Amino acid sequence: MKGVFVAPGIALAAYVAYGIAVGEIIVRSGPGARRLRRDQTPRYFWLAIAIYTLLAIALVTVF
């Protein structure tokens, strides 16, 4: 059953790398989504990157 969570974890890690490279990431916010840009809201951008990175690591190693 462990293999079920590895692919989403790798996909999330790839999305984090893409978001860092582009400088923009989309996060869930209430019933919709919110786009965070590194140049407009750096604190929230890096916080979202950190949370997504921890989730990707957890998906690959823990679950």
N, C-alpha and C. Protein backbone atom coordinates (compact mmCIF):
# COMPACT_ATOMS: atom_id res chain seq x y z
N MET A 1 0.82 -1.20 0.00
CA MET A 1 0.00 0.00 0.00
C MET A 1 0.86 1.26 0.00
N LYS A 2 2.12 1.13 0.39
CA LYS A 2 3.00 2.28 0.46
C LYS A 2 3.21 2.94 -0.90
N GLY A 3 3.21 2.16 -1.96
CA GLY A 3 3.46 2.69 -3.28
C GLY A 3 2.40 3.65 -3.78
N VAL A 4 1.24 3.63 -3.17
CA VAL A 4 0.14 4.49 -3.60
C VAL A 4 0.48 5.96 -3.37
N PHE A 5 1.22 6.28 -2.34
CA PHE A 5 1.51 7.67 -1.98
C PHE A 5 2.83 8.18 -2.54
N VAL A 6 3.63 7.30 -3.11
CA VAL A 6 4.94 7.73 -3.62
C VAL A 6 4.78 8.61 -4.86
N ALA A 7 3.94 8.21 -5.79
CA ALA A 7 3.75 8.99 -7.02
C ALA A 7 3.21 10.39 -6.74
N PRO A 8 2.17 10.55 -5.91
CA PRO A 8 1.73 11.92 -5.59
C PRO A 8 2.81 12.73 -4.87
N GLY A 9 3.61 12.08 -4.05
CA GLY A 9 4.70 12.78 -3.36
C GLY A 9 5.74 13.29 -4.33
N ILE A 10 6.08 12.46 -5.32
CA ILE A 10 7.04 12.88 -6.33
C ILE A 10 6.46 13.99 -7.19
N ALA A 11 5.18 13.87 -7.54
CA ALA A 11 4.53 14.91 -8.34
C ALA A 11 4.49 16.24 -7.58
N LEU A 12 4.21 16.18 -6.29
CA LEU A 12 4.18 17.39 -5.48
C LEU A 12 5.57 18.01 -5.37
N ALA A 13 6.59 17.17 -5.23
CA ALA A 13 7.97 17.69 -5.19
C ALA A 13 8.34 18.36 -6.51
N ALA A 14 7.89 17.79 -7.62
CA ALA A 14 8.14 18.40 -8.93
C ALA A 14 7.42 19.74 -9.04
N TYR A 15 6.20 19.81 -8.51
CA TYR A 15 5.44 21.07 -8.54
C TYR A 15 6.13 22.14 -7.69
N VAL A 16 6.69 21.74 -6.56
CA VAL A 16 7.42 22.68 -5.71
C VAL A 16 8.64 23.21 -6.46
N ALA A 17 9.37 22.32 -7.11
CA ALA A 17 10.55 22.75 -7.87
C ALA A 17 10.14 23.70 -9.00
N TYR A 18 9.05 23.39 -9.68
CA TYR A 18 8.54 24.25 -10.74
C TYR A 18 8.12 25.62 -10.17
N GLY A 19 7.46 25.61 -9.02
CA GLY A 19 7.02 26.85 -8.41
C GLY A 19 8.19 27.73 -8.00
N ILE A 20 9.25 27.13 -7.50
CA ILE A 20 10.44 27.89 -7.14
C ILE A 20 11.09 28.48 -8.38
N ALA A 21 11.16 27.69 -9.45
CA ALA A 21 11.79 28.16 -10.68
C ALA A 21 11.00 29.31 -11.32
N VAL A 22 9.68 29.19 -11.32
CA VAL A 22 8.83 30.19 -11.96
C VAL A 22 8.57 31.38 -11.04
N GLY A 23 8.52 31.13 -9.74
CA GLY A 23 8.24 32.20 -8.78
C GLY A 23 6.77 32.39 -8.51
N GLU A 24 5.98 31.36 -8.80
CA GLU A 24 4.54 31.45 -8.60
C GLU A 24 4.00 30.06 -8.26
N ILE A 25 3.07 30.02 -7.31
CA ILE A 25 2.50 28.75 -6.89
C ILE A 25 1.02 28.98 -6.57
N ILE A 26 0.22 27.99 -6.82
CA ILE A 26 -1.21 28.08 -6.54
C ILE A 26 -1.51 27.23 -5.31
N VAL A 27 -2.19 27.84 -4.34
CA VAL A 27 -2.53 27.14 -3.10
C VAL A 27 -4.03 27.20 -2.89
N ARG A 28 -4.52 26.26 -2.14
CA ARG A 28 -5.94 26.24 -1.81
C ARG A 28 -6.23 27.35 -0.80
N SER A 29 -7.34 28.04 -1.03
CA SER A 29 -7.71 29.14 -0.15
C SER A 29 -9.23 29.19 -0.07
N GLY A 30 -9.79 28.67 1.00
CA GLY A 30 -11.24 28.62 1.14
C GLY A 30 -11.84 27.69 0.10
N PRO A 31 -12.94 28.09 -0.53
CA PRO A 31 -13.56 27.22 -1.52
C PRO A 31 -12.83 27.23 -2.87
N GLY A 32 -11.88 28.11 -3.06
CA GLY A 32 -11.19 28.21 -4.34
C GLY A 32 -9.70 28.05 -4.20
N ALA A 33 -8.98 28.76 -5.02
CA ALA A 33 -7.52 28.72 -4.98
C ALA A 33 -6.98 30.14 -5.00
N ARG A 34 -5.73 30.25 -4.62
CA ARG A 34 -5.08 31.56 -4.58
C ARG A 34 -3.69 31.43 -5.20
N ARG A 35 -3.33 32.37 -6.02
CA ARG A 35 -2.02 32.38 -6.67
C ARG A 35 -1.07 33.25 -5.85
N LEU A 36 0.05 32.65 -5.43
CA LEU A 36 1.05 33.39 -4.66
C LEU A 36 2.27 33.62 -5.54
N ARG A 37 2.71 34.86 -5.58
CA ARG A 37 3.90 35.20 -6.36
C ARG A 37 5.02 35.59 -5.41
N ARG A 38 6.21 35.14 -5.73
CA ARG A 38 7.37 35.39 -4.88
C ARG A 38 7.67 36.88 -4.74
N ASP A 39 7.45 37.66 -5.77
CA ASP A 39 7.77 39.09 -5.70
C ASP A 39 6.70 39.91 -5.00
N GLN A 40 5.46 39.43 -4.94
CA GLN A 40 4.38 40.19 -4.30
C GLN A 40 4.19 39.82 -2.84
N THR A 41 4.20 38.53 -2.53
CA THR A 41 4.02 38.07 -1.15
C THR A 41 5.08 37.03 -0.82
N PRO A 42 6.32 37.45 -0.60
CA PRO A 42 7.39 36.48 -0.39
C PRO A 42 7.21 35.61 0.86
N ARG A 43 6.68 36.17 1.92
CA ARG A 43 6.53 35.39 3.14
C ARG A 43 5.54 34.24 2.94
N TYR A 44 4.40 34.52 2.35
CA TYR A 44 3.40 33.47 2.13
C TYR A 44 3.85 32.48 1.06
N PHE A 45 4.57 32.98 0.07
CA PHE A 45 5.09 32.10 -0.98
C PHE A 45 6.02 31.06 -0.38
N TRP A 46 6.99 31.51 0.41
CA TRP A 46 7.96 30.57 0.98
C TRP A 46 7.33 29.69 2.05
N LEU A 47 6.34 30.18 2.74
CA LEU A 47 5.61 29.35 3.69
C LEU A 47 4.88 28.22 2.96
N ALA A 48 4.23 28.53 1.86
CA ALA A 48 3.55 27.50 1.07
C ALA A 48 4.55 26.51 0.50
N ILE A 49 5.70 26.99 0.04
CA ILE A 49 6.75 26.09 -0.47
C ILE A 49 7.21 25.15 0.64
N ALA A 50 7.40 25.66 1.84
CA ALA A 50 7.85 24.83 2.96
C ALA A 50 6.80 23.78 3.31
N ILE A 51 5.54 24.17 3.34
CA ILE A 51 4.48 23.23 3.68
C ILE A 51 4.36 22.15 2.61
N TYR A 52 4.39 22.54 1.34
CA TYR A 52 4.30 21.56 0.26
C TYR A 52 5.52 20.63 0.26
N THR A 53 6.69 21.16 0.59
CA THR A 53 7.89 20.32 0.65
C THR A 53 7.77 19.29 1.76
N LEU A 54 7.32 19.72 2.93
CA LEU A 54 7.14 18.77 4.04
C LEU A 54 6.09 17.71 3.70
N LEU A 55 5.02 18.11 3.04
CA LEU A 55 4.00 17.16 2.63
C LEU A 55 4.55 16.17 1.62
N ALA A 56 5.35 16.63 0.67
CA ALA A 56 5.93 15.72 -0.32
C ALA A 56 6.86 14.72 0.35
N ILE A 57 7.67 15.18 1.28
CA ILE A 57 8.56 14.28 2.01
C ILE A 57 7.76 13.26 2.81
N ALA A 58 6.71 13.71 3.46
CA ALA A 58 5.87 12.79 4.24
C ALA A 58 5.19 11.75 3.34
N LEU A 59 4.73 12.18 2.18
CA LEU A 59 4.08 11.23 1.28
C LEU A 59 5.03 10.15 0.80
N VAL A 60 6.26 10.51 0.57
CA VAL A 60 7.25 9.54 0.06
C VAL A 60 7.77 8.65 1.18
N THR A 61 7.98 9.21 2.37
CA THR A 61 8.65 8.42 3.42
C THR A 61 7.71 7.82 4.46
N VAL A 62 6.72 8.57 4.91
CA VAL A 62 5.90 8.11 6.04
C VAL A 62 4.75 7.24 5.60
N PHE A 63 3.98 7.72 4.65
CA PHE A 63 2.77 6.99 4.27
C PHE A 63 3.14 5.86 3.41
